[in-house]
Amino acid sequence: MAVPKRKHSNSRTGKRRSHDRLKKRSIGYCPQCSSAVPTHHICPKCGYYQGRTVVKQDES
């Protein structure tokens, strides 16, 4: 079994972990009602996705 010969420095460990953070969710805008919507999701206000109405919303 392979075993490391030397301890990695804190700097090297930090460089490796620099990409492990959480990324912000990308937000787009619905072309139908202009509300902010996460990308690749159906609009919660109007039910619009990729050029068509996917979910019918009750107007109440």
PDB file of N, CA and C in Angstrom:
ATOM      1  N   MET A   1       0.841  -1.190   0.000  1.00  0.00           N
ATOM      2  CA  MET A   1       0.000   0.000   0.000  1.00  0.00           C
ATOM      3  C   MET A   1       0.880   1.246   0.000  1.00  0.00           C
ATOM      4  N   ALA A   2       0.553   2.216  -0.833  1.00  0.00           N
ATOM      5  CA  ALA A   2       1.351   3.434  -0.936  1.00  0.00           C
ATOM      6  C   ALA A   2       1.096   4.344   0.258  1.00  0.00           C
ATOM      7  N   VAL A   3       2.169   4.880   0.806  1.00  0.00           N
ATOM      8  CA  VAL A   3       2.088   5.773   1.954  1.00  0.00           C
ATOM      9  C   VAL A   3       2.853   7.047   1.618  1.00  0.00           C
ATOM     10  N   PRO A   4       2.302   8.240   1.937  1.00  0.00           N
ATOM     11  CA  PRO A   4       3.020   9.477   1.653  1.00  0.00           C
ATOM     12  C   PRO A   4       4.347   9.547   2.407  1.00  0.00           C
ATOM     13  N   LYS A   5       5.382  10.010   1.722  1.00  0.00           N
ATOM     14  CA  LYS A   5       6.694  10.094   2.359  1.00  0.00           C
ATOM     15  C   LYS A   5       6.801  11.308   3.262  1.00  0.00           C
ATOM     16  N   ARG A   6       6.151  12.412   2.860  1.00  0.00           N
ATOM     17  CA  ARG A   6       6.210  13.653   3.643  1.00  0.00           C
ATOM     18  C   ARG A   6       4.818  14.239   3.815  1.00  0.00           C
ATOM     19  N   LYS A   7       4.672  15.037   4.874  1.00  0.00           N
ATOM     20  CA  LYS A   7       3.412  15.732   5.145  1.00  0.00           C
ATOM     21  C   LYS A   7       3.236  16.870   4.145  1.00  0.00           C
ATOM     22  N   HIS A   8       2.006  17.033   3.621  1.00  0.00           N
ATOM     23  CA  HIS A   8       1.730  18.178   2.758  1.00  0.00           C
ATOM     24  C   HIS A   8       1.631  19.426   3.605  1.00  0.00           C
ATOM     25  N   SER A   9       2.172  20.514   3.103  1.00  0.00           N
ATOM     26  CA  SER A   9       2.128  21.776   3.839  1.00  0.00           C
ATOM     27  C   SER A   9       0.710  22.345   3.850  1.00  0.00           C
ATOM     28  N   ASN A  10       0.457  23.265   4.779  1.00  0.00           N
ATOM     29  CA  ASN A  10      -0.854  23.913   4.850  1.00  0.00           C
ATOM     30  C   ASN A  10      -1.152  24.677   3.567  1.00  0.00           C
ATOM     31  N   SER A  11      -0.138  25.256   2.973  1.00  0.00           N
ATOM     32  CA  SER A  11      -0.313  26.002   1.723  1.00  0.00           C
ATOM     33  C   SER A  11      -0.774  25.079   0.597  1.00  0.00           C
ATOM     34  N   ARG A  12      -0.127  23.942   0.491  1.00  0.00           N
ATOM     35  CA  ARG A  12      -0.488  22.991  -0.560  1.00  0.00           C
ATOM     36  C   ARG A  12      -1.893  22.445  -0.347  1.00  0.00           C
ATOM     37  N   THR A  13      -2.244  22.159   0.905  1.00  0.00           N
ATOM     38  CA  THR A  13      -3.587  21.669   1.230  1.00  0.00           C
ATOM     39  C   THR A  13      -4.634  22.718   0.881  1.00  0.00           C
ATOM     40  N   GLY A  14      -4.336  23.988   1.212  1.00  0.00           N
ATOM     41  CA  GLY A  14      -5.259  25.077   0.903  1.00  0.00           C
ATOM     42  C   GLY A  14      -5.448  25.269  -0.592  1.00  0.00           C
ATOM     43  N   LYS A  15      -4.372  25.110  -1.357  1.00  0.00           N
ATOM     44  CA  LYS A  15      -4.472  25.234  -2.818  1.00  0.00           C
ATOM     45  C   LYS A  15      -5.368  24.144  -3.392  1.00  0.00           C
ATOM     46  N   ARG A  16      -5.264  22.940  -2.845  1.00  0.00           N
ATOM     47  CA  ARG A  16      -6.103  21.838  -3.321  1.00  0.00           C
ATOM     48  C   ARG A  16      -7.572  22.081  -2.975  1.00  0.00           C
ATOM     49  N   ARG A  17      -7.815  22.642  -1.789  1.00  0.00           N
ATOM     50  CA  ARG A  17      -9.183  22.864  -1.331  1.00  0.00           C
ATOM     51  C   ARG A  17      -9.805  24.153  -1.847  1.00  0.00           C
ATOM     52  N   SER A  18      -9.090  24.922  -2.628  1.00  0.00           N
ATOM     53  CA  SER A  18      -9.591  26.230  -3.058  1.00  0.00           C
ATOM     54  C   SER A  18     -10.853  26.142  -3.909  1.00  0.00           C
ATOM     55  N   HIS A  19     -11.114  25.008  -4.527  1.00  0.00           N
ATOM     56  CA  HIS A  19     -12.293  24.851  -5.390  1.00  0.00           C
ATOM     57  C   HIS A  19     -13.416  24.079  -4.717  1.00  0.00           C
ATOM     58  N   ASP A  20     -13.274  23.746  -3.434  1.00  0.00           N
ATOM     59  CA  ASP A  20     -14.272  22.931  -2.742  1.00  0.00           C
ATOM     60  C   ASP A  20     -15.447  23.721  -2.197  1.00  0.00           C
ATOM     61  N   ARG A  21     -15.417  25.037  -2.286  1.00  0.00           N
ATOM     62  CA  ARG A  21     -16.482  25.867  -1.720  1.00  0.00           C
ATOM     63  C   ARG A  21     -17.777  25.699  -2.508  1.00  0.00           C
ATOM     64  N   LEU A  22     -18.890  26.098  -1.908  1.00  0.00           N
ATOM     65  CA  LEU A  22     -20.172  26.064  -2.588  1.00  0.00           C
ATOM     66  C   LEU A  22     -20.276  27.218  -3.568  1.00  0.00           C
ATOM     67  N   LYS A  23     -20.871  26.963  -4.704  1.00  0.00           N
ATOM     68  CA  LYS A  23     -21.045  28.002  -5.721  1.00  0.00           C
ATOM     69  C   LYS A  23     -22.425  28.638  -5.560  1.00  0.00           C
ATOM     70  N   LYS A  24     -22.541  29.897  -5.949  1.00  0.00           N
ATOM     71  CA  LYS A  24     -23.838  30.566  -5.921  1.00  0.00           C
ATOM     72  C   LYS A  24     -24.728  29.989  -7.023  1.00  0.00           C
ATOM     73  N   ARG A  25     -26.022  29.926  -6.759  1.00  0.00           N
ATOM     74  CA  ARG A  25     -26.953  29.450  -7.773  1.00  0.00           C
ATOM     75  C   ARG A  25     -27.101  30.516  -8.848  1.00  0.00           C
ATOM     76  N   SER A  26     -27.055  30.095 -10.103  1.00  0.00           N
ATOM     77  CA  SER A  26     -27.221  31.055 -11.183  1.00  0.00           C
ATOM     78  C   SER A  26     -28.704  31.356 -11.358  1.00  0.00           C
ATOM     79  N   ILE A  27     -29.010  32.635 -11.507  1.00  0.00           N
ATOM     80  CA  ILE A  27     -30.400  33.086 -11.590  1.00  0.00           C
ATOM     81  C   ILE A  27     -30.637  33.688 -12.971  1.00  0.00           C
ATOM     82  N   GLY A  28     -31.732  33.262 -13.580  1.00  0.00           N
ATOM     83  CA  GLY A  28     -32.165  33.851 -14.840  1.00  0.00           C
ATOM     84  C   GLY A  28     -33.499  34.537 -14.618  1.00  0.00           C
ATOM     85  N   TYR A  29     -34.051  35.105 -15.668  1.00  0.00           N
ATOM     86  CA  TYR A  29     -35.327  35.800 -15.567  1.00  0.00           C
ATOM     87  C   TYR A  29     -36.312  35.183 -16.545  1.00  0.00           C
ATOM     88  N   CYS A  30     -37.523  34.976 -16.071  1.00  0.00           N
ATOM     89  CA  CYS A  30     -38.573  34.379 -16.881  1.00  0.00           C
ATOM     90  C   CYS A  30     -38.918  35.334 -18.028  1.00  0.00           C
ATOM     91  N   PRO A  31     -38.923  34.852 -19.286  1.00  0.00           N
ATOM     92  CA  PRO A  31     -39.261  35.729 -20.410  1.00  0.00           C
ATOM     93  C   PRO A  31     -40.748  36.109 -20.429  1.00  0.00           C
ATOM     94  N   GLN A  32     -41.572  35.327 -19.732  1.00  0.00           N
ATOM     95  CA  GLN A  32     -43.008  35.568 -19.727  1.00  0.00           C
ATOM     96  C   GLN A  32     -43.406  36.639 -18.710  1.00  0.00           C
ATOM     97  N   CYS A  33     -42.960  36.459 -17.438  1.00  0.00           N
ATOM     98  CA  CYS A  33     -43.406  37.368 -16.371  1.00  0.00           C
ATOM     99  C   CYS A  33     -42.255  38.157 -15.745  1.00  0.00           C
ATOM    100  N   SER A  34     -41.037  37.962 -16.203  1.00  0.00           N
ATOM    101  CA  SER A  34     -39.838  38.698 -15.762  1.00  0.00           C
ATOM    102  C   SER A  34     -39.507  38.514 -14.280  1.00  0.00           C
ATOM    103  N   SER A  35     -39.922  37.423 -13.660  1.00  0.00           N
ATOM    104  CA  SER A  35     -39.542  37.172 -12.274  1.00  0.00           C
ATOM    105  C   SER A  35     -38.237  36.372 -12.258  1.00  0.00           C
ATOM    106  N   ALA A  36     -37.465  36.493 -11.174  1.00  0.00           N
ATOM    107  CA  ALA A  36     -36.194  35.788 -11.047  1.00  0.00           C
ATOM    108  C   ALA A  36     -36.460  34.303 -10.813  1.00  0.00           C
ATOM    109  N   VAL A  37     -35.796  33.460 -11.606  1.00  0.00           N
ATOM    110  CA  VAL A  37     -35.991  32.017 -11.538  1.00  0.00           C
ATOM    111  C   VAL A  37     -34.620  31.349 -11.617  1.00  0.00           C
ATOM    112  N   PRO A  38     -34.340  30.308 -10.806  1.00  0.00           N
ATOM    113  CA  PRO A  38     -33.096  29.559 -10.987  1.00  0.00           C
ATOM    114  C   PRO A  38     -33.061  28.945 -12.386  1.00  0.00           C
ATOM    115  N   THR A  39     -31.901  28.909 -13.008  1.00  0.00           N
ATOM    116  CA  THR A  39     -31.796  28.382 -14.368  1.00  0.00           C
ATOM    117  C   THR A  39     -32.191  26.909 -14.402  1.00  0.00           C
ATOM    118  N   HIS A  40     -32.784  26.480 -15.490  1.00  0.00           N
ATOM    119  CA  HIS A  40     -33.254  25.116 -15.739  1.00  0.00           C
ATOM    120  C   HIS A  40     -34.366  24.702 -14.770  1.00  0.00           C
ATOM    121  N   HIS A  41     -35.183  25.660 -14.331  1.00  0.00           N
ATOM    122  CA  HIS A  41     -36.326  25.366 -13.467  1.00  0.00           C
ATOM    123  C   HIS A  41     -37.581  26.031 -14.045  1.00  0.00           C
ATOM    124  N   ILE A  42     -38.722  25.457 -13.749  1.00  0.00           N
ATOM    125  CA  ILE A  42     -39.999  26.037 -14.158  1.00  0.00           C
ATOM    126  C   ILE A  42     -40.261  27.280 -13.323  1.00  0.00           C
ATOM    127  N   CYS A  43     -40.807  28.320 -13.942  1.00  0.00           N
ATOM    128  CA  CYS A  43     -41.134  29.554 -13.234  1.00  0.00           C
ATOM    129  C   CYS A  43     -42.256  29.271 -12.237  1.00  0.00           C
ATOM    130  N   PRO A  44     -42.053  29.612 -10.939  1.00  0.00           N
ATOM    131  CA  PRO A  44     -43.097  29.330  -9.950  1.00  0.00           C
ATOM    132  C   PRO A  44     -44.320  30.234 -10.084  1.00  0.00           C
ATOM    133  N   LYS A  45     -44.177  31.381 -10.733  1.00  0.00           N
ATOM    134  CA  LYS A  45     -45.310  32.299 -10.871  1.00  0.00           C
ATOM    135  C   LYS A  45     -46.229  31.928 -12.025  1.00  0.00           C
ATOM    136  N   CYS A  46     -45.634  31.667 -13.201  1.00  0.00           N
ATOM    137  CA  CYS A  46     -46.481  31.441 -14.372  1.00  0.00           C
ATOM    138  C   CYS A  46     -46.394  30.016 -14.944  1.00  0.00           C
ATOM    139  N   GLY A  47     -45.468  29.179 -14.457  1.00  0.00           N
ATOM    140  CA  GLY A  47     -45.372  27.804 -14.938  1.00  0.00           C
ATOM    141  C   GLY A  47     -44.736  27.685 -16.312  1.00  0.00           C
ATOM    142  N   TYR A  48     -43.977  28.676 -16.733  1.00  0.00           N
ATOM    143  CA  TYR A  48     -43.381  28.741 -18.062  1.00  0.00           C
ATOM    144  C   TYR A  48     -41.984  28.126 -18.050  1.00  0.00           C
ATOM    145  N   TYR A  49     -41.638  27.340 -19.078  1.00  0.00           N
ATOM    146  CA  TYR A  49     -40.292  26.771 -19.194  1.00  0.00           C
ATOM    147  C   TYR A  49     -40.008  26.445 -20.651  1.00  0.00           C
ATOM    148  N   GLN A  50     -38.894  26.912 -21.157  1.00  0.00           N
ATOM    149  CA  GLN A  50     -38.414  26.663 -22.521  1.00  0.00           C
ATOM    150  C   GLN A  50     -39.462  26.941 -23.589  1.00  0.00           C
ATOM    151  N   GLY A  51     -40.065  28.113 -23.528  1.00  0.00           N
ATOM    152  CA  GLY A  51     -40.947  28.556 -24.584  1.00  0.00           C
ATOM    153  C   GLY A  51     -42.372  28.046 -24.531  1.00  0.00           C
ATOM    154  N   ARG A  52     -42.761  27.371 -23.475  1.00  0.00           N
ATOM    155  CA  ARG A  52     -44.138  26.906 -23.376  1.00  0.00           C
ATOM    156  C   ARG A  52     -44.573  26.845 -21.919  1.00  0.00           C
ATOM    157  N   THR A  53     -45.872  26.810 -21.708  1.00  0.00           N
ATOM    158  CA  THR A  53     -46.419  26.685 -20.373  1.00  0.00           C
ATOM    159  C   THR A  53     -46.463  25.204 -20.010  1.00  0.00           C
ATOM    160  N   VAL A  54     -45.709  24.830 -18.994  1.00  0.00           N
ATOM    161  CA  VAL A  54     -45.597  23.429 -18.593  1.00  0.00           C
ATOM    162  C   VAL A  54     -46.618  23.110 -17.511  1.00  0.00           C
ATOM    163  N   VAL A  55     -46.784  24.026 -16.547  1.00  0.00           N
ATOM    164  CA  VAL A  55     -47.704  23.822 -15.438  1.00  0.00           C
ATOM    165  C   VAL A  55     -48.720  24.945 -15.465  1.00  0.00           C
ATOM    166  N   LYS A  56     -49.988  24.585 -15.460  1.00  0.00           N
ATOM    167  CA  LYS A  56     -51.032  25.615 -15.434  1.00  0.00           C
ATOM    168  C   LYS A  56     -51.160  26.158 -14.028  1.00  0.00           C
ATOM    169  N   GLN A  57     -51.164  27.507 -13.906  1.00  0.00           N
ATOM    170  CA  GLN A  57     -51.295  28.172 -12.610  1.00  0.00           C
ATOM    171  C   GLN A  57     -52.699  28.703 -12.453  1.00  0.00           C
ATOM    172  N   ASP A  58     -53.263  28.550 -11.250  1.00  0.00           N
ATOM    173  CA  ASP A  58     -54.579  29.112 -10.967  1.00  0.00           C
ATOM    174  C   ASP A  58     -54.468  30.611 -10.747  1.00  0.00           C
ATOM    175  N   GLU A  59     -55.314  31.383 -11.360  1.00  0.00           N
ATOM    176  CA  GLU A  59     -55.303  32.845 -11.219  1.00  0.00           C
ATOM    177  C   GLU A  59     -56.176  33.235 -10.045  1.00  0.00           C
ATOM    178  N   SER A  60     -55.643  33.071  -8.835  1.00  0.00           N
ATOM    179  CA  SER A  60     -56.428  33.451  -7.651  1.00  0.00           C
ATOM    180  C   SER A  60     -55.631  34.320  -6.722  1.00  0.00           C
TER     181      SER A  60
END
